[in-house]
Amino acid sequence: MNVQVEPTGNAIEESVDLAYEICNRVFRKVPERIRDEQKL
């Protein structure tokens, strides 16, 4: 068995989780900005 498989899989999983978290934070603010621009 390749010893690198498990650490690589864990790193990929952590990267995907981080990407989802970043996207959620960014896109959560989009509706707020749209509402703020509509008020102007």
Protein backbone atom coordinates (compact mmCIF):
# COMPACT_ATOMS: atom_id res chain seq x y z
CA MET A 1 0.00 0.00 0.00
CA ASN A 2 1.23 3.47 -0.83
CA VAL A 3 1.87 5.45 2.36
CA GLN A 4 1.21 8.75 0.56
CA VAL A 5 -2.41 7.93 -0.32
CA GLU A 6 -3.97 8.64 3.07
CA PRO A 7 -2.19 11.96 3.83
CA THR A 8 -2.89 13.15 0.27
CA GLY A 9 -6.57 12.21 0.61
CA ASN A 10 -6.78 14.09 3.91
CA ALA A 11 -5.12 17.15 2.41
CA ILE A 12 -7.54 17.13 -0.53
CA GLU A 13 -10.51 16.78 1.80
CA GLU A 14 -9.30 19.69 3.94
CA SER A 15 -8.73 21.81 0.82
CA VAL A 16 -12.24 21.10 -0.43
CA ASP A 17 -13.72 21.96 2.97
CA LEU A 18 -11.78 25.22 3.01
CA ALA A 19 -12.93 26.06 -0.52
CA TYR A 20 -16.56 25.50 0.47
CA GLU A 21 -16.11 27.70 3.53
CA ILE A 22 -14.57 30.51 1.46
CA CYS A 23 -17.33 30.30 -1.16
CA ASN A 24 -20.02 30.35 1.52
CA ARG A 25 -18.51 33.45 3.12
CA VAL A 26 -18.15 35.26 -0.19
CA PHE A 27 -21.55 34.41 -1.64
CA ARG A 28 -23.38 35.01 1.64
CA LYS A 29 -22.46 38.70 1.30
CA VAL A 30 -23.60 38.99 -2.34
CA PRO A 31 -27.34 39.41 -1.58
CA GLU A 32 -26.50 42.04 1.05
CA ARG A 33 -24.44 44.03 -1.46
CA ILE A 34 -27.18 43.76 -4.10
CA ARG A 35 -29.71 45.10 -1.59
CA ASP A 36 -27.36 47.91 -0.59
CA GLU A 37 -26.82 48.90 -4.24
CA GLN A 38 -30.56 48.91 -4.90
CA LYS A 39 -31.07 51.37 -2.04
CA LEU A 40 -28.79 53.93 -3.73
